[in-house]
Amino acid sequence: MPSKKWPKKEWADVKRRLTANFPPHFQTDKTIELLEQCVLSDQLKELTPYISLGRLCLSRNTNLTGSGCPCMYFHNHQYTVSTYDNKNKWYFDSTEEVIEFVKQNIPLVV
């Protein structure tokens, strides 16, 4: 079964935007680390990335709607995964832990 096409352009655009459009307190270098780890995952790189409130979010579709999108960011010296509404949060010490958690918990349909 052929795999879904990797939206490489979208990943590159998100990375470019993270390097250019945010003030230092957003710690985009940490978000870029998360992005680079996502791209190494065959499972995650097929999702559509976007930025919401300085967070790296992933979606299964291209209209970027729905509350089931996982969002990743760095805050208070911790990597964080949150639901889109930021009500539920999980904290990690490394990008590898974040990526493994997201791979195991991404919603089946977004």
PDB file of N, CA and C in Angstrom:
ATOM      1  N   MET A   1       0.846  -1.173   0.000  1.00  0.00           N
ATOM      2  CA  MET A   1       0.000   0.000   0.000  1.00  0.00           C
ATOM      3  C   MET A   1       0.893   1.238   0.000  1.00  0.00           C
ATOM      4  N   PRO A   2       0.735   2.148  -0.947  1.00  0.00           N
ATOM      5  CA  PRO A   2       1.606   3.325  -0.990  1.00  0.00           C
ATOM      6  C   PRO A   2       1.318   4.257   0.180  1.00  0.00           C
ATOM      7  N   SER A   3       2.356   4.912   0.645  1.00  0.00           N
ATOM      8  CA  SER A   3       2.180   5.838   1.763  1.00  0.00           C
ATOM      9  C   SER A   3       1.666   7.179   1.256  1.00  0.00           C
ATOM     10  N   LYS A   4       1.056   7.907   2.158  1.00  0.00           N
ATOM     11  CA  LYS A   4       0.555   9.241   1.850  1.00  0.00           C
ATOM     12  C   LYS A   4       1.738  10.151   1.512  1.00  0.00           C
ATOM     13  N   LYS A   5       1.508  11.100   0.641  1.00  0.00           N
ATOM     14  CA  LYS A   5       2.575  12.013   0.237  1.00  0.00           C
ATOM     15  C   LYS A   5       2.989  12.910   1.402  1.00  0.00           C
ATOM     16  N   TRP A   6       4.274  13.047   1.572  1.00  0.00           N
ATOM     17  CA  TRP A   6       4.841  13.887   2.618  1.00  0.00           C
ATOM     18  C   TRP A   6       4.682  15.354   2.225  1.00  0.00           C
ATOM     19  N   PRO A   7       3.995  16.167   3.041  1.00  0.00           N
ATOM     20  CA  PRO A   7       3.824  17.589   2.703  1.00  0.00           C
ATOM     21  C   PRO A   7       5.091  18.395   3.015  1.00  0.00           C
ATOM     22  N   LYS A   8       6.163  18.081   2.284  1.00  0.00           N
ATOM     23  CA  LYS A   8       7.484  18.662   2.542  1.00  0.00           C
ATOM     24  C   LYS A   8       7.477  20.186   2.503  1.00  0.00           C
ATOM     25  N   LYS A   9       6.747  20.773   1.565  1.00  0.00           N
ATOM     26  CA  LYS A   9       6.697  22.231   1.442  1.00  0.00           C
ATOM     27  C   LYS A   9       6.134  22.860   2.720  1.00  0.00           C
ATOM     28  N   GLU A  10       5.090  22.261   3.276  1.00  0.00           N
ATOM     29  CA  GLU A  10       4.482  22.806   4.491  1.00  0.00           C
ATOM     30  C   GLU A  10       5.453  22.761   5.668  1.00  0.00           C
ATOM     31  N   TRP A  11       6.197  21.663   5.788  1.00  0.00           N
ATOM     32  CA  TRP A  11       7.182  21.554   6.873  1.00  0.00           C
ATOM     33  C   TRP A  11       8.260  22.629   6.727  1.00  0.00           C
ATOM     34  N   ALA A  12       8.726  22.834   5.504  1.00  0.00           N
ATOM     35  CA  ALA A  12       9.757  23.854   5.260  1.00  0.00           C
ATOM     36  C   ALA A  12       9.214  25.253   5.546  1.00  0.00           C
ATOM     37  N   ASP A  13       7.959  25.505   5.180  1.00  0.00           N
ATOM     38  CA  ASP A  13       7.350  26.815   5.420  1.00  0.00           C
ATOM     39  C   ASP A  13       7.210  27.082   6.918  1.00  0.00           C
ATOM     40  N   VAL A  14       6.784  26.083   7.676  1.00  0.00           N
ATOM     41  CA  VAL A  14       6.648  26.254   9.133  1.00  0.00           C
ATOM     42  C   VAL A  14       8.014  26.548   9.749  1.00  0.00           C
ATOM     43  N   LYS A  15       9.029  25.824   9.321  1.00  0.00           N
ATOM     44  CA  LYS A  15      10.373  26.060   9.863  1.00  0.00           C
ATOM     45  C   LYS A  15      10.845  27.476   9.532  1.00  0.00           C
ATOM     46  N   ARG A  16      10.616  27.902   8.310  1.00  0.00           N
ATOM     47  CA  ARG A  16      11.007  29.256   7.907  1.00  0.00           C
ATOM     48  C   ARG A  16      10.288  30.297   8.757  1.00  0.00           C
ATOM     49  N   ARG A  17       9.009  30.116   8.975  1.00  0.00           N
ATOM     50  CA  ARG A  17       8.239  31.061   9.788  1.00  0.00           C
ATOM     51  C   ARG A  17       8.721  31.078  11.235  1.00  0.00           C
ATOM     52  N   LEU A  18       9.093  29.927  11.771  1.00  0.00           N
ATOM     53  CA  LEU A  18       9.597  29.881  13.150  1.00  0.00           C
ATOM     54  C   LEU A  18      10.922  30.617  13.288  1.00  0.00           C
ATOM     55  N   THR A  19      11.731  30.624  12.252  1.00  0.00           N
ATOM     56  CA  THR A  19      13.029  31.294  12.331  1.00  0.00           C
ATOM     57  C   THR A  19      12.928  32.798  12.116  1.00  0.00           C
ATOM     58  N   ALA A  20      11.786  33.275  11.599  1.00  0.00           N
ATOM     59  CA  ALA A  20      11.709  34.684  11.218  1.00  0.00           C
ATOM     60  C   ALA A  20      10.696  35.529  11.974  1.00  0.00           C
ATOM     61  N   ASN A  21       9.657  34.953  12.484  1.00  0.00           N
ATOM     62  CA  ASN A  21       8.521  35.766  12.907  1.00  0.00           C
ATOM     63  C   ASN A  21       8.218  35.811  14.400  1.00  0.00           C
ATOM     64  N   PHE A  22       9.084  35.324  15.244  1.00  0.00           N
ATOM     65  CA  PHE A  22       8.732  35.252  16.654  1.00  0.00           C
ATOM     66  C   PHE A  22       9.758  35.940  17.541  1.00  0.00           C
ATOM     67  N   PRO A  23       9.297  36.592  18.601  1.00  0.00           N
ATOM     68  CA  PRO A  23      10.240  37.192  19.550  1.00  0.00           C
ATOM     69  C   PRO A  23      10.971  36.095  20.339  1.00  0.00           C
ATOM     70  N   PRO A  24      12.125  36.413  20.919  1.00  0.00           N
ATOM     71  CA  PRO A  24      12.965  35.406  21.591  1.00  0.00           C
ATOM     72  C   PRO A  24      12.273  34.618  22.705  1.00  0.00           C
ATOM     73  N   HIS A  25      11.341  35.236  23.418  1.00  0.00           N
ATOM     74  CA  HIS A  25      10.732  34.514  24.542  1.00  0.00           C
ATOM     75  C   HIS A  25       9.890  33.314  24.093  1.00  0.00           C
ATOM     76  N   PHE A  26       9.610  33.186  22.800  1.00  0.00           N
ATOM     77  CA  PHE A  26       8.901  32.011  22.302  1.00  0.00           C
ATOM     78  C   PHE A  26       9.808  30.789  22.211  1.00  0.00           C
ATOM     79  N   GLN A  27      11.111  30.976  22.338  1.00  0.00           N
ATOM     80  CA  GLN A  27      12.096  29.891  22.278  1.00  0.00           C
ATOM     81  C   GLN A  27      11.857  28.987  21.067  1.00  0.00           C
ATOM     82  N   THR A  28      11.795  29.614  19.904  1.00  0.00           N
ATOM     83  CA  THR A  28      11.512  28.859  18.690  1.00  0.00           C
ATOM     84  C   THR A  28      12.604  27.852  18.351  1.00  0.00           C
ATOM     85  N   ASP A  29      13.799  28.040  18.887  1.00  0.00           N
ATOM     86  CA  ASP A  29      14.844  27.040  18.650  1.00  0.00           C
ATOM     87  C   ASP A  29      14.408  25.678  19.185  1.00  0.00           C
ATOM     88  N   LYS A  30      13.702  25.658  20.294  1.00  0.00           N
ATOM     89  CA  LYS A  30      13.205  24.401  20.871  1.00  0.00           C
ATOM     90  C   LYS A  30      12.060  23.842  20.022  1.00  0.00           C
ATOM     91  N   THR A  31      11.223  24.729  19.502  1.00  0.00           N
ATOM     92  CA  THR A  31      10.127  24.284  18.636  1.00  0.00           C
ATOM     93  C   THR A  31      10.691  23.727  17.335  1.00  0.00           C
ATOM     94  N   ILE A  32      11.747  24.332  16.832  1.00  0.00           N
ATOM     95  CA  ILE A  32      12.395  23.819  15.627  1.00  0.00           C
ATOM     96  C   ILE A  32      12.995  22.444  15.892  1.00  0.00           C
ATOM     97  N   GLU A  33      13.543  22.223  17.073  1.00  0.00           N
ATOM     98  CA  GLU A  33      14.027  20.879  17.437  1.00  0.00           C
ATOM     99  C   GLU A  33      12.892  19.866  17.345  1.00  0.00           C
ATOM    100  N   LEU A  34      11.720  20.242  17.849  1.00  0.00           N
ATOM    101  CA  LEU A  34      10.558  19.351  17.774  1.00  0.00           C
ATOM    102  C   LEU A  34      10.173  19.093  16.316  1.00  0.00           C
ATOM    103  N   LEU A  35      10.165  20.145  15.518  1.00  0.00           N
ATOM    104  CA  LEU A  35       9.836  20.006  14.102  1.00  0.00           C
ATOM    105  C   LEU A  35      10.807  19.045  13.419  1.00  0.00           C
ATOM    106  N   GLU A  36      12.085  19.209  13.682  1.00  0.00           N
ATOM    107  CA  GLU A  36      13.083  18.352  13.044  1.00  0.00           C
ATOM    108  C   GLU A  36      12.932  16.892  13.468  1.00  0.00           C
ATOM    109  N   GLN A  37      12.538  16.650  14.706  1.00  0.00           N
ATOM    110  CA  GLN A  37      12.282  15.284  15.155  1.00  0.00           C
ATOM    111  C   GLN A  37      11.027  14.710  14.496  1.00  0.00           C
ATOM    112  N   CYS A  38      10.007  15.539  14.299  1.00  0.00           N
ATOM    113  CA  CYS A  38       8.797  15.079  13.617  1.00  0.00           C
ATOM    114  C   CYS A  38       9.110  14.627  12.196  1.00  0.00           C
ATOM    115  N   VAL A  39       9.944  15.386  11.508  1.00  0.00           N
ATOM    116  CA  VAL A  39      10.293  15.068  10.125  1.00  0.00           C
ATOM    117  C   VAL A  39      11.047  13.737  10.037  1.00  0.00           C
ATOM    118  N   LEU A  40      11.732  13.346  11.092  1.00  0.00           N
ATOM    119  CA  LEU A  40      12.440  12.065  11.104  1.00  0.00           C
ATOM    120  C   LEU A  40      11.495  10.886  11.292  1.00  0.00           C
ATOM    121  N   SER A  41      10.279  11.151  11.712  1.00  0.00           N
ATOM    122  CA  SER A  41       9.283  10.102  11.936  1.00  0.00           C
ATOM    123  C   SER A  41       8.429   9.919  10.687  1.00  0.00           C
ATOM    124  N   ASP A  42       8.453   8.720  10.115  1.00  0.00           N
ATOM    125  CA  ASP A  42       7.621   8.445   8.936  1.00  0.00           C
ATOM    126  C   ASP A  42       6.147   8.698   9.234  1.00  0.00           C
ATOM    127  N   GLN A  43       5.732   8.412  10.443  1.00  0.00           N
ATOM    128  CA  GLN A  43       4.334   8.573  10.836  1.00  0.00           C
ATOM    129  C   GLN A  43       3.947  10.050  10.959  1.00  0.00           C
ATOM    130  N   LEU A  44       4.784  10.864  11.574  1.00  0.00           N
ATOM    131  CA  LEU A  44       4.431  12.261  11.835  1.00  0.00           C
ATOM    132  C   LEU A  44       4.669  13.178  10.643  1.00  0.00           C
ATOM    133  N   LYS A  45       5.672  12.883   9.843  1.00  0.00           N
ATOM    134  CA  LYS A  45       5.975  13.796   8.735  1.00  0.00           C
ATOM    135  C   LYS A  45       4.890  13.790   7.671  1.00  0.00           C
ATOM    136  N   GLU A  46       3.997  12.810   7.686  1.00  0.00           N
ATOM    137  CA  GLU A  46       2.886  12.788   6.743  1.00  0.00           C
ATOM    138  C   GLU A  46       1.741  13.706   7.169  1.00  0.00           C
ATOM    139  N   LEU A  47       1.777  14.184   8.409  1.00  0.00           N
ATOM    140  CA  LEU A  47       0.747  15.090   8.884  1.00  0.00           C
ATOM    141  C   LEU A  47       1.051  16.507   8.410  1.00  0.00           C
ATOM    142  N   THR A  48       0.055  17.358   8.436  1.00  0.00           N
ATOM    143  CA  THR A  48       0.233  18.742   8.009  1.00  0.00           C
ATOM    144  C   THR A  48       0.582  19.597   9.223  1.00  0.00           C
ATOM    145  N   PRO A  49       1.754  20.235   9.215  1.00  0.00           N
ATOM    146  CA  PRO A  49       2.148  21.076  10.343  1.00  0.00           C
ATOM    147  C   PRO A  49       1.616  22.502  10.180  1.00  0.00           C
ATOM    148  N   TYR A  50       1.384  23.141  11.290  1.00  0.00           N
ATOM    149  CA  TYR A  50       1.055  24.564  11.274  1.00  0.00           C
ATOM    150  C   TYR A  50       1.393  25.157  12.631  1.00  0.00           C
ATOM    151  N   ILE A  51       1.397  26.457  12.705  1.00  0.00           N
ATOM    152  CA  ILE A  51       1.734  27.158  13.940  1.00  0.00           C
ATOM    153  C   ILE A  51       0.467  27.803  14.480  1.00  0.00           C
ATOM    154  N   SER A  52       0.224  27.588  15.767  1.00  0.00           N
ATOM    155  CA  SER A  52      -0.908  28.227  16.436  1.00  0.00           C
ATOM    156  C   SER A  52      -0.412  28.742  17.775  1.00  0.00           C
ATOM    157  N   LEU A  53      -0.476  30.039  17.971  1.00  0.00           N
ATOM    158  CA  LEU A  53      -0.019  30.669  19.218  1.00  0.00           C
ATOM    159  C   LEU A  53       1.424  30.285  19.553  1.00  0.00           C
ATOM    160  N   GLY A  54       2.254  30.172  18.547  1.00  0.00           N
ATOM    161  CA  GLY A  54       3.662  29.841  18.736  1.00  0.00           C
ATOM    162  C   GLY A  54       3.934  28.363  18.941  1.00  0.00           C
ATOM    163  N   ARG A  55       2.904  27.536  18.852  1.00  0.00           N
ATOM    164  CA  ARG A  55       3.056  26.092  19.045  1.00  0.00           C
ATOM    165  C   ARG A  55       3.105  25.385  17.703  1.00  0.00           C
ATOM    166  N   LEU A  56       3.845  24.292  17.647  1.00  0.00           N
ATOM    167  CA  LEU A  56       3.866  23.439  16.468  1.00  0.00           C
ATOM    168  C   LEU A  56       2.703  22.467  16.604  1.00  0.00           C
ATOM    169  N   CYS A  57       1.757  22.550  15.686  1.00  0.00           N
ATOM    170  CA  CYS A  57       0.579  21.684  15.727  1.00  0.00           C
ATOM    171  C   CYS A  57       0.576  20.797  14.489  1.00  0.00           C
ATOM    172  N   LEU A  58      -0.056  19.635  14.614  1.00  0.00           N
ATOM    173  CA  LEU A  58      -0.127  18.677  13.517  1.00  0.00           C
ATOM    174  C   LEU A  58      -1.571  18.318  13.235  1.00  0.00           C
ATOM    175  N   SER A  59      -1.887  18.205  11.954  1.00  0.00           N
ATOM    176  CA  SER A  59      -3.243  17.860  11.544  1.00  0.00           C
ATOM    177  C   SER A  59      -3.198  16.771  10.483  1.00  0.00           C
ATOM    178  N   ARG A  60      -4.230  15.945  10.462  1.00  0.00           N
ATOM    179  CA  ARG A  60      -4.347  14.916   9.426  1.00  0.00           C
ATOM    180  C   ARG A  60      -4.957  15.473   8.144  1.00  0.00           C
ATOM    181  N   ASN A  61      -5.536  16.641   8.195  1.00  0.00           N
ATOM    182  CA  ASN A  61      -6.138  17.208   6.991  1.00  0.00           C
ATOM    183  C   ASN A  61      -5.526  18.576   6.717  1.00  0.00           C
ATOM    184  N   THR A  62      -5.887  19.140   5.599  1.00  0.00           N
ATOM    185  CA  THR A  62      -5.261  20.406   5.228  1.00  0.00           C
ATOM    186  C   THR A  62      -6.098  21.627   5.574  1.00  0.00           C
ATOM    187  N   ASN A  63      -7.325  21.437   6.060  1.00  0.00           N
ATOM    188  CA  ASN A  63      -8.094  22.635   6.400  1.00  0.00           C
ATOM    189  C   ASN A  63      -7.807  23.096   7.827  1.00  0.00           C
ATOM    190  N   LEU A  64      -7.009  22.352   8.557  1.00  0.00           N
ATOM    191  CA  LEU A  64      -6.486  22.743   9.861  1.00  0.00           C
ATOM    192  C   LEU A  64      -7.573  23.083  10.883  1.00  0.00           C
ATOM    193  N   THR A  65      -8.678  22.390  10.798  1.00  0.00           N
ATOM    194  CA  THR A  65      -9.726  22.605  11.787  1.00  0.00           C
ATOM    195  C   THR A  65      -9.845  21.383  12.676  1.00  0.00           C
ATOM    196  N   GLY A  66     -10.451  21.566  13.801  1.00  0.00           N
ATOM    197  CA  GLY A  66     -10.668  20.455  14.711  1.00  0.00           C
ATOM    198  C   GLY A  66      -9.843  20.608  15.958  1.00  0.00           C
ATOM    199  N   SER A  67     -10.370  20.125  17.028  1.00  0.00           N
ATOM    200  CA  SER A  67      -9.706  20.285  18.312  1.00  0.00           C
ATOM    201  C   SER A  67      -8.814  19.108  18.661  1.00  0.00           C
ATOM    202  N   GLY A  68      -8.712  18.111  17.803  1.00  0.00           N
ATOM    203  CA  GLY A  68      -7.910  16.937  18.117  1.00  0.00           C
ATOM    204  C   GLY A  68      -6.457  17.040  17.713  1.00  0.00           C
ATOM    205  N   CYS A  69      -6.028  18.176  17.224  1.00  0.00           N
ATOM    206  CA  CYS A  69      -4.653  18.339  16.764  1.00  0.00           C
ATOM    207  C   CYS A  69      -3.695  18.437  17.944  1.00  0.00           C
ATOM    208  N   PRO A  70      -2.646  17.609  17.971  1.00  0.00           N
ATOM    209  CA  PRO A  70      -1.653  17.767  19.030  1.00  0.00           C
ATOM    210  C   PRO A  70      -0.799  19.006  18.771  1.00  0.00           C
ATOM    211  N   CYS A  71      -0.460  19.713  19.838  1.00  0.00           N
ATOM    212  CA  CYS A  71       0.382  20.903  19.747  1.00  0.00           C
ATOM    213  C   CYS A  71       1.598  20.713  20.648  1.00  0.00           C
ATOM    214  N   MET A  72       2.759  21.172  20.192  1.00  0.00           N
ATOM    215  CA  MET A  72       4.010  20.983  20.918  1.00  0.00           C
ATOM    216  C   MET A  72       4.718  22.321  21.077  1.00  0.00           C
ATOM    217  N   TYR A  73       5.308  22.520  22.247  1.00  0.00           N
ATOM    218  CA  TYR A  73       6.045  23.751  22.492  1.00  0.00           C
ATOM    219  C   TYR A  73       6.954  23.581  23.706  1.00  0.00           C
ATOM    220  N   PHE A  74       7.785  24.583  23.956  1.00  0.00           N
ATOM    221  CA  PHE A  74       8.709  24.578  25.083  1.00  0.00           C
ATOM    222  C   PHE A  74       8.345  25.752  25.982  1.00  0.00           C
ATOM    223  N   HIS A  75       8.109  25.465  27.262  1.00  0.00           N
ATOM    224  CA  HIS A  75       7.706  26.512  28.203  1.00  0.00           C
ATOM    225  C   HIS A  75       8.142  26.110  29.608  1.00  0.00           C
ATOM    226  N   ASN A  76       8.637  27.063  30.358  1.00  0.00           N
ATOM    227  CA  ASN A  76       9.092  26.813  31.736  1.00  0.00           C
ATOM    228  C   ASN A  76      10.064  25.633  31.821  1.00  0.00           C
ATOM    229  N   HIS A  77      11.013  25.603  30.899  1.00  0.00           N
ATOM    230  CA  HIS A  77      12.080  24.603  30.889  1.00  0.00           C
ATOM    231  C   HIS A  77      11.573  23.182  30.654  1.00  0.00           C
ATOM    232  N   GLN A  78      10.418  23.056  30.016  1.00  0.00           N
ATOM    233  CA  GLN A  78       9.875  21.730  29.714  1.00  0.00           C
ATOM    234  C   GLN A  78       9.280  21.720  28.319  1.00  0.00           C
ATOM    235  N   TYR A  79       9.454  20.577  27.659  1.00  0.00           N
ATOM    236  CA  TYR A  79       8.748  20.354  26.411  1.00  0.00           C
ATOM    237  C   TYR A  79       7.324  19.975  26.782  1.00  0.00           C
ATOM    238  N   THR A  80       6.382  20.530  26.041  1.00  0.00           N
ATOM    239  CA  THR A  80       4.978  20.326  26.372  1.00  0.00           C
ATOM    240  C   THR A  80       4.212  19.870  25.147  1.00  0.00           C
ATOM    241  N   VAL A  81       3.328  18.903  25.363  1.00  0.00           N
ATOM    242  CA  VAL A  81       2.343  18.515  24.360  1.00  0.00           C
ATOM    243  C   VAL A  81       0.998  18.901  24.954  1.00  0.00           C
ATOM    244  N   SER A  82       0.183  19.538  24.136  1.00  0.00           N
ATOM    245  CA  SER A  82      -1.134  19.928  24.629  1.00  0.00           C
ATOM    246  C   SER A  82      -2.202  19.629  23.590  1.00  0.00           C
ATOM    247  N   THR A  83      -3.423  19.608  24.068  1.00  0.00           N
ATOM    248  CA  THR A  83      -4.543  19.575  23.144  1.00  0.00           C
ATOM    249  C   THR A  83      -4.629  20.959  22.514  1.00  0.00           C
ATOM    250  N   TYR A  84      -5.351  21.069  21.419  1.00  0.00           N
ATOM    251  CA  TYR A  84      -5.413  22.346  20.721  1.00  0.00           C
ATOM    252  C   TYR A  84      -5.900  23.465  21.631  1.00  0.00           C
ATOM    253  N   ASP A  85      -6.858  23.171  22.501  1.00  0.00           N
ATOM    254  CA  ASP A  85      -7.391  24.195  23.401  1.00  0.00           C
ATOM    255  C   ASP A  85      -6.482  24.458  24.600  1.00  0.00           C
ATOM    256  N   ASN A  86      -5.393  23.714  24.708  1.00  0.00           N
ATOM    257  CA  ASN A  86      -4.370  23.862  25.763  1.00  0.00           C
ATOM    258  C   ASN A  86      -4.900  23.506  27.157  1.00  0.00           C
ATOM    259  N   LYS A  87      -6.026  22.812  27.227  1.00  0.00           N
ATOM    260  CA  LYS A  87      -6.582  22.403  28.526  1.00  0.00           C
ATOM    261  C   LYS A  87      -5.848  21.196  29.090  1.00  0.00           C
ATOM    262  N   ASN A  88      -5.489  20.264  28.231  1.00  0.00           N
ATOM    263  CA  ASN A  88      -4.749  19.079  28.664  1.00  0.00           C
ATOM    264  C   ASN A  88      -3.301  19.230  28.236  1.00  0.00           C
ATOM    265  N   LYS A  89      -2.377  18.994  29.177  1.00  0.00           N
ATOM    266  CA  LYS A  89      -0.949  19.161  28.890  1.00  0.00           C
ATOM    267  C   LYS A  89      -0.169  17.999  29.477  1.00  0.00           C
ATOM    268  N   TRP A  90       0.864  17.610  28.748  1.00  0.00           N
ATOM    269  CA  TRP A  90       1.787  16.579  29.207  1.00  0.00           C
ATOM    270  C   TRP A  90       3.187  17.147  29.062  1.00  0.00           C
ATOM    271  N   TYR A  91       4.040  16.904  30.053  1.00  0.00           N
ATOM    272  CA  TYR A  91       5.370  17.519  30.117  1.00  0.00           C
ATOM    273  C   TYR A  91       6.463  16.478  29.947  1.00  0.00           C
ATOM    274  N   PHE A  92       7.527  16.893  29.249  1.00  0.00           N
ATOM    275  CA  PHE A  92       8.626  15.979  28.941  1.00  0.00           C
ATOM    276  C   PHE A  92       9.960  16.698  29.047  1.00  0.00           C
ATOM    277  N   ASP A  93      11.005  15.898  29.219  1.00  0.00           N
ATOM    278  CA  ASP A  93      12.354  16.439  29.331  1.00  0.00           C
ATOM    279  C   ASP A  93      13.109  16.467  28.006  1.00  0.00           C
ATOM    280  N   SER A  94      12.628  15.741  27.010  1.00  0.00           N
ATOM    281  CA  SER A  94      13.370  15.678  25.748  1.00  0.00           C
ATOM    282  C   SER A  94      12.430  15.653  24.551  1.00  0.00           C
ATOM    283  N   THR A  95      12.983  16.023  23.413  1.00  0.00           N
ATOM    284  CA  THR A  95      12.193  15.981  22.182  1.00  0.00           C
ATOM    285  C   THR A  95      11.817  14.550  21.823  1.00  0.00           C
ATOM    286  N   GLU A  96      12.710  13.620  22.101  1.00  0.00           N
ATOM    287  CA  GLU A  96      12.433  12.219  21.787  1.00  0.00           C
ATOM    288  C   GLU A  96      11.207  11.708  22.547  1.00  0.00           C
ATOM    289  N   GLU A  97      11.093  12.097  23.815  1.00  0.00           N
ATOM    290  CA  GLU A  97       9.924  11.691  24.602  1.00  0.00           C
ATOM    291  C   GLU A  97       8.644  12.299  24.031  1.00  0.00           C
ATOM    292  N   VAL A  98       8.723  13.546  23.606  1.00  0.00           N
ATOM    293  CA  VAL A  98       7.560  14.217  23.015  1.00  0.00           C
ATOM    294  C   VAL A  98       7.107  13.484  21.759  1.00  0.00           C
ATOM    295  N   ILE A  99       8.047  13.199  20.887  1.00  0.00           N
ATOM    296  CA  ILE A  99       7.720  12.566  19.614  1.00  0.00           C
ATOM    297  C   ILE A  99       7.108  11.192  19.835  1.00  0.00           C
ATOM    298  N   GLU A 100       7.661  10.432  20.739  1.00  0.00           N
ATOM    299  CA  GLU A 100       7.113   9.099  21.027  1.00  0.00           C
ATOM    300  C   GLU A 100       5.694   9.214  21.582  1.00  0.00           C
ATOM    301  N   PHE A 101       5.468  10.158  22.479  1.00  0.00           N
ATOM    302  CA  PHE A 101       4.136  10.366  23.044  1.00  0.00           C
ATOM    303  C   PHE A 101       3.141  10.756  21.950  1.00  0.00           C
ATOM    304  N   VAL A 102       3.521  11.690  21.093  1.00  0.00           N
ATOM    305  CA  VAL A 102       2.623  12.136  20.027  1.00  0.00           C
ATOM    306  C   VAL A 102       2.329  10.994  19.070  1.00  0.00           C
ATOM    307  N   LYS A 103       3.335  10.226  18.688  1.00  0.00           N
ATOM    308  CA  LYS A 103       3.119   9.099  17.778  1.00  0.00           C
ATOM    309  C   LYS A 103       2.118   8.114  18.368  1.00  0.00           C
ATOM    310  N   GLN A 104       2.170   7.887  19.650  1.00  0.00           N
ATOM    311  CA  GLN A 104       1.274   6.924  20.292  1.00  0.00           C
ATOM    312  C   GLN A 104      -0.114   7.490  20.572  1.00  0.00           C
ATOM    313  N   ASN A 105      -0.259   8.816  20.516  1.00  0.00           N
ATOM    314  CA  ASN A 105      -1.513   9.420  20.933  1.00  0.00           C
ATOM    315  C   ASN A 105      -2.183  10.320  19.909  1.00  0.00           C
ATOM    316  N   ILE A 106      -1.673  10.391  18.693  1.00  0.00           N
ATOM    317  CA  ILE A 106      -2.341  11.235  17.708  1.00  0.00           C
ATOM    318  C   ILE A 106      -3.718  10.670  17.424  1.00  0.00           C
ATOM    319  N   PRO A 107      -4.676  11.534  17.283  1.00  0.00           N
ATOM    320  CA  PRO A 107      -6.037  11.035  17.010  1.00  0.00           C
ATOM    321  C   PRO A 107      -6.095  10.365  15.649  1.00  0.00           C
ATOM    322  N   LEU A 108      -6.964   9.397  15.508  1.00  0.00           N
ATOM    323  CA  LEU A 108      -7.101   8.681  14.243  1.00  0.00           C
ATOM    324  C   LEU A 108      -7.748   9.541  13.166  1.00  0.00           C
ATOM    325  N   VAL A 109      -8.635  10.420  13.576  1.00  0.00           N
ATOM    326  CA  VAL A 109      -9.287  11.310  12.636  1.00  0.00           C
ATOM    327  C   VAL A 109      -9.291  12.702  13.226  1.00  0.00           C
ATOM    328  N   VAL A 110      -8.834  13.656  12.450  1.00  0.00           N
ATOM    329  CA  VAL A 110      -8.851  15.058  12.891  1.00  0.00           C
ATOM    330  C   VAL A 110      -9.601  15.847  11.842  1.00  0.00           C
TER     331      VAL A 110
END
